[in-house]
Amino acid sequence: MGVAGKGDGCIFCDHLAEDDDVAANILYRGETCFVILNAFPYNTGHLMVAPLRHVADVRDLNDDESRELFDLTRRSVEVIRVAMQPDGFNTGMNLGSAGGAGVPGHLHMHVVPRWQGDTNFMSVVADTKVLPEMLADTAAKLRPGFAAF
């Protein structure tokens, strides 16, 4: 399937290689892509959709990966909307180190729920992360929506 193994330095591939999706914060595994909670979220519910295959450039995705990446992004928005009732969303990719990618070797789409007056600005102005909910609690809210796929 092209998934890199543990120890190669890719956090996505390392999580995929784990035996326990709950411990790895993986919410869903599809045919070519998967959904994982961000361990350092911008907001509660921040997750990422990434190909199973270790690929860095959007141009290198095959047609099936491209379709499933966007389909899972769309579904993720719906799951979060039902479970958490945000006021809006930010979705997007940071491509390459110069584009701000924290993991430049493994392409991923961020899905970030937003609420009016949220604290998303904190990491920008104060070099501070605000985590108002434990990841396990967030996963428990979102997992049922992904189980319905």
N, C-alpha and C. Protein backbone atom coordinates (compact mmCIF):
# COMPACT_ATOMS: atom_id res chain seq x y z
N MET A 1 0.82 -1.20 0.00
CA MET A 1 0.00 0.00 0.00
C MET A 1 0.86 1.25 0.00
N GLY A 2 2.14 1.13 0.26
CA GLY A 2 3.01 2.29 0.21
C GLY A 2 3.12 3.04 1.51
N VAL A 3 2.60 2.50 2.60
CA VAL A 3 2.70 3.15 3.90
C VAL A 3 4.11 2.97 4.42
N ALA A 4 4.71 4.06 4.85
CA ALA A 4 6.04 3.97 5.41
C ALA A 4 5.98 3.30 6.78
N GLY A 5 7.05 2.67 7.19
CA GLY A 5 7.07 1.95 8.45
C GLY A 5 7.49 2.82 9.62
N LYS A 6 7.37 2.27 10.81
CA LYS A 6 7.79 2.98 12.01
C LYS A 6 9.28 3.29 11.93
N GLY A 7 9.63 4.42 12.54
CA GLY A 7 11.03 4.78 12.62
C GLY A 7 11.54 5.57 11.43
N ASP A 8 10.67 5.86 10.46
CA ASP A 8 11.14 6.61 9.31
C ASP A 8 11.03 8.11 9.52
N GLY A 9 10.49 8.51 10.67
CA GLY A 9 10.40 9.92 10.99
C GLY A 9 9.12 10.60 10.57
N CYS A 10 8.20 9.88 9.96
CA CYS A 10 6.92 10.48 9.55
C CYS A 10 5.87 10.14 10.61
N ILE A 11 5.34 11.15 11.25
CA ILE A 11 4.37 10.92 12.32
C ILE A 11 3.10 10.26 11.80
N PHE A 12 2.67 10.60 10.59
CA PHE A 12 1.47 9.97 10.02
C PHE A 12 1.71 8.47 9.79
N CYS A 13 2.83 8.14 9.18
CA CYS A 13 3.14 6.73 8.90
C CYS A 13 3.34 5.96 10.20
N ASP A 14 3.95 6.60 11.20
CA ASP A 14 4.13 5.93 12.48
C ASP A 14 2.79 5.62 13.12
N HIS A 15 1.85 6.57 13.07
CA HIS A 15 0.51 6.32 13.63
C HIS A 15 -0.21 5.22 12.85
N LEU A 16 -0.08 5.23 11.54
CA LEU A 16 -0.72 4.19 10.72
C LEU A 16 -0.19 2.80 11.05
N ALA A 17 1.07 2.71 11.44
CA ALA A 17 1.69 1.42 11.74
C ALA A 17 1.29 0.88 13.10
N GLU A 18 0.69 1.73 13.95
CA GLU A 18 0.26 1.27 15.27
C GLU A 18 -0.91 0.30 15.15
N ASP A 19 -1.01 -0.59 16.12
CA ASP A 19 -2.09 -1.59 16.14
C ASP A 19 -3.40 -1.05 16.70
N ASP A 20 -3.35 0.06 17.43
CA ASP A 20 -4.50 0.58 18.15
C ASP A 20 -4.89 1.95 17.60
N ASP A 21 -5.95 2.00 16.77
CA ASP A 21 -6.38 3.27 16.19
C ASP A 21 -6.84 4.26 17.25
N VAL A 22 -7.43 3.78 18.33
CA VAL A 22 -7.88 4.68 19.40
C VAL A 22 -6.67 5.38 20.02
N ALA A 23 -5.64 4.61 20.37
CA ALA A 23 -4.43 5.19 20.95
C ALA A 23 -3.71 6.11 19.95
N ALA A 24 -3.82 5.81 18.67
CA ALA A 24 -3.15 6.60 17.63
C ALA A 24 -3.99 7.81 17.20
N ASN A 25 -5.18 7.97 17.78
CA ASN A 25 -6.09 9.06 17.43
C ASN A 25 -6.58 9.01 15.99
N ILE A 26 -6.56 7.81 15.40
CA ILE A 26 -7.10 7.63 14.04
C ILE A 26 -8.60 7.42 14.17
N LEU A 27 -9.36 8.27 13.51
CA LEU A 27 -10.82 8.20 13.57
C LEU A 27 -11.42 7.33 12.48
N TYR A 28 -10.71 7.20 11.35
CA TYR A 28 -11.25 6.45 10.22
C TYR A 28 -10.13 6.07 9.28
N ARG A 29 -10.19 4.84 8.76
CA ARG A 29 -9.29 4.38 7.70
C ARG A 29 -10.13 4.04 6.48
N GLY A 30 -9.84 4.70 5.38
CA GLY A 30 -10.54 4.42 4.13
C GLY A 30 -9.70 3.54 3.23
N GLU A 31 -10.08 3.49 1.97
CA GLU A 31 -9.35 2.68 0.99
C GLU A 31 -7.97 3.26 0.69
N THR A 32 -7.88 4.61 0.59
CA THR A 32 -6.62 5.25 0.21
C THR A 32 -6.22 6.37 1.16
N CYS A 33 -7.13 6.78 2.05
CA CYS A 33 -6.87 7.91 2.95
C CYS A 33 -7.40 7.59 4.35
N PHE A 34 -7.00 8.39 5.31
CA PHE A 34 -7.45 8.21 6.68
C PHE A 34 -7.68 9.56 7.34
N VAL A 35 -8.37 9.51 8.50
CA VAL A 35 -8.68 10.72 9.27
C VAL A 35 -8.06 10.55 10.65
N ILE A 36 -7.35 11.58 11.10
CA ILE A 36 -6.67 11.53 12.40
C ILE A 36 -6.83 12.86 13.11
N LEU A 37 -7.01 12.81 14.43
CA LEU A 37 -7.05 14.04 15.21
C LEU A 37 -5.66 14.67 15.23
N ASN A 38 -5.63 15.99 15.22
CA ASN A 38 -4.37 16.70 15.36
C ASN A 38 -3.98 16.69 16.83
N ALA A 39 -2.79 16.21 17.14
CA ALA A 39 -2.32 16.13 18.53
C ALA A 39 -2.08 17.51 19.13
N PHE A 40 -1.90 18.52 18.27
CA PHE A 40 -1.68 19.89 18.72
C PHE A 40 -2.70 20.79 18.01
N PRO A 41 -3.98 20.63 18.37
CA PRO A 41 -5.05 21.28 17.61
C PRO A 41 -5.08 22.80 17.75
N TYR A 42 -5.48 23.46 16.68
CA TYR A 42 -5.74 24.89 16.71
C TYR A 42 -7.02 25.16 17.47
N ASN A 43 -7.95 24.21 17.41
CA ASN A 43 -9.25 24.29 18.08
C ASN A 43 -9.70 22.88 18.39
N THR A 44 -10.60 22.73 19.34
CA THR A 44 -11.18 21.43 19.63
C THR A 44 -11.83 20.88 18.36
N GLY A 45 -11.55 19.64 18.05
CA GLY A 45 -12.10 19.01 16.86
C GLY A 45 -11.22 19.09 15.63
N HIS A 46 -10.08 19.77 15.73
CA HIS A 46 -9.15 19.90 14.60
C HIS A 46 -8.63 18.51 14.21
N LEU A 47 -8.91 18.14 12.98
CA LEU A 47 -8.44 16.85 12.48
C LEU A 47 -7.77 17.03 11.14
N MET A 48 -7.17 15.95 10.66
CA MET A 48 -6.48 15.98 9.38
C MET A 48 -6.89 14.76 8.56
N VAL A 49 -6.97 14.97 7.27
CA VAL A 49 -7.24 13.89 6.31
C VAL A 49 -5.97 13.73 5.48
N ALA A 50 -5.48 12.51 5.40
CA ALA A 50 -4.21 12.28 4.70
C ALA A 50 -4.27 10.97 3.92
N PRO A 51 -3.49 10.88 2.85
CA PRO A 51 -3.41 9.60 2.14
C PRO A 51 -2.69 8.57 3.00
N LEU A 52 -3.07 7.32 2.83
CA LEU A 52 -2.36 6.23 3.50
C LEU A 52 -0.92 6.14 2.97
N ARG A 53 -0.78 6.44 1.70
CA ARG A 53 0.54 6.38 1.05
C ARG A 53 1.35 7.61 1.45
N HIS A 54 2.63 7.41 1.72
CA HIS A 54 3.54 8.51 2.06
C HIS A 54 3.84 9.30 0.79
N VAL A 55 3.16 10.42 0.63
CA VAL A 55 3.32 11.26 -0.55
C VAL A 55 3.29 12.72 -0.11
N ALA A 56 4.19 13.53 -0.65
CA ALA A 56 4.34 14.90 -0.19
C ALA A 56 3.63 15.94 -1.06
N ASP A 57 3.44 15.65 -2.32
CA ASP A 57 2.96 16.65 -3.26
C ASP A 57 1.58 16.29 -3.78
N VAL A 58 0.68 17.24 -3.76
CA VAL A 58 -0.68 17.02 -4.24
C VAL A 58 -0.69 16.53 -5.68
N ARG A 59 0.31 16.90 -6.46
CA ARG A 59 0.40 16.46 -7.86
C ARG A 59 0.69 14.98 -7.98
N ASP A 60 1.18 14.37 -6.91
CA ASP A 60 1.53 12.95 -6.94
C ASP A 60 0.40 12.04 -6.48
N LEU A 61 -0.72 12.62 -6.05
CA LEU A 61 -1.87 11.80 -5.67
C LEU A 61 -2.46 11.16 -6.92
N ASN A 62 -2.87 9.91 -6.80
CA ASN A 62 -3.57 9.30 -7.92
C ASN A 62 -5.05 9.71 -7.84
N ASP A 63 -5.82 9.35 -8.84
CA ASP A 63 -7.22 9.79 -8.89
C ASP A 63 -8.03 9.29 -7.70
N ASP A 64 -7.83 8.04 -7.30
CA ASP A 64 -8.56 7.49 -6.16
C ASP A 64 -8.22 8.24 -4.87
N GLU A 65 -6.95 8.53 -4.66
CA GLU A 65 -6.53 9.28 -3.47
C GLU A 65 -7.12 10.69 -3.48
N SER A 66 -7.08 11.33 -4.63
CA SER A 66 -7.64 12.69 -4.74
C SER A 66 -9.12 12.71 -4.40
N ARG A 67 -9.86 11.77 -4.95
CA ARG A 67 -11.30 11.70 -4.68
C ARG A 67 -11.57 11.43 -3.20
N GLU A 68 -10.87 10.43 -2.65
CA GLU A 68 -11.16 10.08 -1.25
C GLU A 68 -10.69 11.17 -0.30
N LEU A 69 -9.59 11.84 -0.60
CA LEU A 69 -9.12 12.94 0.25
C LEU A 69 -10.20 14.02 0.35
N PHE A 70 -10.76 14.40 -0.77
CA PHE A 70 -11.79 15.44 -0.72
C PHE A 70 -13.09 14.91 -0.13
N ASP A 71 -13.46 13.67 -0.45
CA ASP A 71 -14.67 13.08 0.11
C ASP A 71 -14.57 13.00 1.63
N LEU A 72 -13.44 12.56 2.16
CA LEU A 72 -13.28 12.48 3.60
C LEU A 72 -13.21 13.86 4.24
N THR A 73 -12.70 14.84 3.52
CA THR A 73 -12.73 16.21 4.03
C THR A 73 -14.17 16.68 4.16
N ARG A 74 -14.96 16.45 3.14
CA ARG A 74 -16.38 16.82 3.15
C ARG A 74 -17.11 16.09 4.27
N ARG A 75 -16.88 14.79 4.40
CA ARG A 75 -17.53 14.00 5.45
C ARG A 75 -17.07 14.45 6.84
N SER A 76 -15.80 14.79 6.98
CA SER A 76 -15.28 15.26 8.26
C SER A 76 -15.98 16.54 8.71
N VAL A 77 -16.18 17.44 7.76
CA VAL A 77 -16.92 18.66 8.08
C VAL A 77 -18.31 18.31 8.60
N GLU A 78 -18.97 17.37 7.95
CA GLU A 78 -20.32 17.00 8.38
C GLU A 78 -20.32 16.32 9.75
N VAL A 79 -19.38 15.42 9.98
CA VAL A 79 -19.29 14.75 11.28
C VAL A 79 -19.06 15.78 12.39
N ILE A 80 -18.13 16.70 12.18
CA ILE A 80 -17.86 17.73 13.18
C ILE A 80 -19.07 18.63 13.36
N ARG A 81 -19.72 18.99 12.27
CA ARG A 81 -20.90 19.87 12.34
C ARG A 81 -21.99 19.24 13.22
N VAL A 82 -22.26 17.96 13.02
CA VAL A 82 -23.29 17.27 13.79
C VAL A 82 -22.87 17.12 15.26
N ALA A 83 -21.62 16.73 15.50
CA ALA A 83 -21.16 16.43 16.85
C ALA A 83 -20.86 17.66 17.69
N MET A 84 -20.44 18.77 17.03
CA MET A 84 -19.92 19.90 17.81
C MET A 84 -20.58 21.25 17.50
N GLN A 85 -21.38 21.31 16.49
CA GLN A 85 -22.10 22.54 16.08
C GLN A 85 -21.21 23.79 16.01
N PRO A 86 -20.11 23.74 15.25
CA PRO A 86 -19.30 24.95 15.10
C PRO A 86 -20.02 25.98 14.23
N ASP A 87 -19.52 27.20 14.29
CA ASP A 87 -20.08 28.29 13.48
C ASP A 87 -19.49 28.34 12.08
N GLY A 88 -18.35 27.71 11.88
CA GLY A 88 -17.69 27.70 10.58
C GLY A 88 -16.51 26.75 10.60
N PHE A 89 -15.74 26.77 9.53
CA PHE A 89 -14.59 25.88 9.38
C PHE A 89 -13.46 26.58 8.64
N ASN A 90 -12.25 26.16 8.92
CA ASN A 90 -11.10 26.41 8.06
C ASN A 90 -10.67 25.04 7.55
N THR A 91 -10.45 24.93 6.25
CA THR A 91 -9.89 23.71 5.67
C THR A 91 -8.74 24.13 4.77
N GLY A 92 -7.70 23.31 4.71
CA GLY A 92 -6.61 23.65 3.81
C GLY A 92 -5.38 22.81 4.03
N MET A 93 -4.45 22.98 3.09
CA MET A 93 -3.17 22.27 3.11
C MET A 93 -2.04 23.28 3.13
N ASN A 94 -0.99 22.95 3.85
CA ASN A 94 0.26 23.70 3.79
C ASN A 94 1.23 22.80 3.05
N LEU A 95 1.61 23.20 1.86
CA LEU A 95 2.46 22.35 1.01
C LEU A 95 3.91 22.78 1.09
N GLY A 96 4.76 21.87 1.53
CA GLY A 96 6.20 22.14 1.62
C GLY A 96 6.54 22.97 2.85
N SER A 97 7.80 22.93 3.24
CA SER A 97 8.26 23.68 4.42
C SER A 97 8.02 25.17 4.27
N ALA A 98 8.29 25.70 3.08
CA ALA A 98 8.09 27.13 2.85
C ALA A 98 6.62 27.51 2.92
N GLY A 99 5.73 26.55 2.67
CA GLY A 99 4.30 26.79 2.75
C GLY A 99 3.74 26.60 4.15
N GLY A 100 4.60 26.27 5.10
CA GLY A 100 4.18 26.14 6.48
C GLY A 100 3.85 24.73 6.93
N ALA A 101 4.14 23.72 6.11
CA ALA A 101 3.84 22.34 6.48
C ALA A 101 4.72 21.90 7.65
N GLY A 102 4.08 21.46 8.73
CA GLY A 102 4.81 20.93 9.87
C GLY A 102 5.35 19.54 9.58
N VAL A 103 4.68 18.81 8.69
CA VAL A 103 5.11 17.49 8.24
C VAL A 103 5.15 17.55 6.71
N PRO A 104 6.22 18.14 6.15
CA PRO A 104 6.24 18.38 4.71
C PRO A 104 6.30 17.13 3.85
N GLY A 105 6.69 15.99 4.40
CA GLY A 105 6.83 14.77 3.61
C GLY A 105 5.55 13.98 3.40
N HIS A 106 4.48 14.31 4.17
CA HIS A 106 3.23 13.55 4.07
C HIS A 106 2.08 14.55 3.97
N LEU A 107 1.56 14.66 2.79
CA LEU A 107 0.45 15.56 2.49
C LEU A 107 -0.70 15.34 3.45
N HIS A 108 -1.36 16.42 3.88
CA HIS A 108 -2.54 16.29 4.74
C HIS A 108 -3.40 17.55 4.65
N MET A 109 -4.70 17.35 4.75
CA MET A 109 -5.68 18.42 4.73
C MET A 109 -6.14 18.68 6.16
N HIS A 110 -6.04 19.93 6.59
CA HIS A 110 -6.53 20.32 7.92
C HIS A 110 -8.02 20.63 7.83
N VAL A 111 -8.77 20.18 8.82
CA VAL A 111 -10.17 20.54 8.98
C VAL A 111 -10.29 21.09 10.40
N VAL A 112 -10.54 22.40 10.49
CA VAL A 112 -10.55 23.08 11.78
C VAL A 112 -11.92 23.72 12.01
N PRO A 113 -12.67 23.21 13.00
CA PRO A 113 -13.94 23.86 13.32
C PRO A 113 -13.68 25.21 13.99
N ARG A 114 -14.57 26.16 13.73
CA ARG A 114 -14.42 27.51 14.28
C ARG A 114 -15.72 27.96 14.93
N TRP A 115 -15.59 28.68 16.01
CA TRP A 115 -16.74 29.27 16.71
C TRP A 115 -16.51 30.76 16.82
N GLN A 116 -17.58 31.53 16.77
CA GLN A 116 -17.47 32.96 16.98
C GLN A 116 -16.76 33.20 18.31
N GLY A 117 -15.72 34.02 18.30
CA GLY A 117 -15.00 34.35 19.53
C GLY A 117 -14.05 33.28 20.02
N ASP A 118 -13.73 32.26 19.18
CA ASP A 118 -12.80 31.22 19.65
C ASP A 118 -11.40 31.79 19.85
N THR A 119 -10.51 30.99 20.41
CA THR A 119 -9.18 31.45 20.77
C THR A 119 -8.12 31.07 19.74
N ASN A 120 -8.53 30.87 18.50
CA ASN A 120 -7.60 30.44 17.46
C ASN A 120 -6.41 31.37 17.31
N PHE A 121 -6.58 32.64 17.63
CA PHE A 121 -5.50 33.61 17.47
C PHE A 121 -4.37 33.42 18.48
N MET A 122 -4.60 32.67 19.56
CA MET A 122 -3.62 32.55 20.64
C MET A 122 -2.26 32.06 20.15
N SER A 123 -2.25 31.06 19.28
CA SER A 123 -0.97 30.52 18.83
C SER A 123 -0.20 31.51 17.97
N VAL A 124 -0.90 32.46 17.38
CA VAL A 124 -0.25 33.44 16.52
C VAL A 124 0.35 34.57 17.34
N VAL A 125 -0.41 35.10 18.30
CA VAL A 125 0.06 36.28 19.03
C VAL A 125 0.78 35.96 20.33
N ALA A 126 0.58 34.79 20.89
CA ALA A 126 1.16 34.50 22.20
C ALA A 126 2.03 33.25 22.22
N ASP A 127 2.26 32.64 21.06
CA ASP A 127 3.01 31.40 21.00
C ASP A 127 2.49 30.42 22.06
N THR A 128 1.16 30.36 22.14
CA THR A 128 0.47 29.55 23.15
C THR A 128 -0.56 28.68 22.49
N LYS A 129 -0.66 27.43 22.93
CA LYS A 129 -1.71 26.53 22.46
C LYS A 129 -2.77 26.42 23.54
N VAL A 130 -4.02 26.50 23.14
CA VAL A 130 -5.13 26.36 24.07
C VAL A 130 -5.86 25.08 23.71
N LEU A 131 -5.95 24.15 24.64
CA LEU A 131 -6.63 22.87 24.40
C LEU A 131 -7.76 22.76 25.42
N PRO A 132 -8.97 23.25 25.04
CA PRO A 132 -10.07 23.27 26.00
C PRO A 132 -10.69 21.90 26.26
N GLU A 133 -10.31 20.89 25.49
CA GLU A 133 -10.88 19.56 25.67
C GLU A 133 -9.81 18.52 25.40
N MET A 134 -9.80 17.46 26.19
CA MET A 134 -8.84 16.38 25.99
C MET A 134 -9.13 15.68 24.66
N LEU A 135 -8.07 15.23 23.98
CA LEU A 135 -8.24 14.58 22.68
C LEU A 135 -9.14 13.35 22.77
N ALA A 136 -9.04 12.58 23.84
CA ALA A 136 -9.88 11.39 23.98
C ALA A 136 -11.36 11.77 24.04
N ASP A 137 -11.67 12.90 24.67
CA ASP A 137 -13.06 13.36 24.74
C ASP A 137 -13.56 13.79 23.37
N THR A 138 -12.70 14.50 22.63
CA THR A 138 -13.05 14.90 21.27
C THR A 138 -13.27 13.68 20.39
N ALA A 139 -12.36 12.72 20.48
CA ALA A 139 -12.48 11.49 19.69
C ALA A 139 -13.78 10.77 20.00
N ALA A 140 -14.16 10.73 21.26
CA ALA A 140 -15.40 10.05 21.65
C ALA A 140 -16.63 10.73 21.03
N LYS A 141 -16.56 12.02 20.84
CA LYS A 141 -17.67 12.74 20.20
C LYS A 141 -17.72 12.47 18.69
N LEU A 142 -16.55 12.34 18.06
CA LEU A 142 -16.47 12.24 16.60
C LEU A 142 -16.51 10.80 16.08
N ARG A 143 -15.99 9.86 16.84
CA ARG A 143 -15.91 8.47 16.39
C ARG A 143 -17.24 7.88 15.89
N PRO A 144 -18.36 8.12 16.59
CA PRO A 144 -19.63 7.56 16.10
C PRO A 144 -20.00 8.04 14.69
N GLY A 145 -19.70 9.28 14.37
CA GLY A 145 -19.99 9.80 13.04
C GLY A 145 -19.17 9.12 11.96
N PHE A 146 -17.92 8.82 12.27
CA PHE A 146 -17.08 8.13 11.30
C PHE A 146 -17.42 6.65 11.21
N ALA A 147 -17.91 6.07 12.30
CA ALA A 147 -18.31 4.67 12.28
C ALA A 147 -19.51 4.44 11.36
N ALA A 148 -20.25 5.49 11.08
CA ALA A 148 -21.45 5.39 10.24
C ALA A 148 -21.10 5.30 8.75
N PHE A 149 -19.85 5.49 8.36
CA PHE A 149 -19.46 5.46 6.94
C PHE A 149 -19.63 4.05 6.40
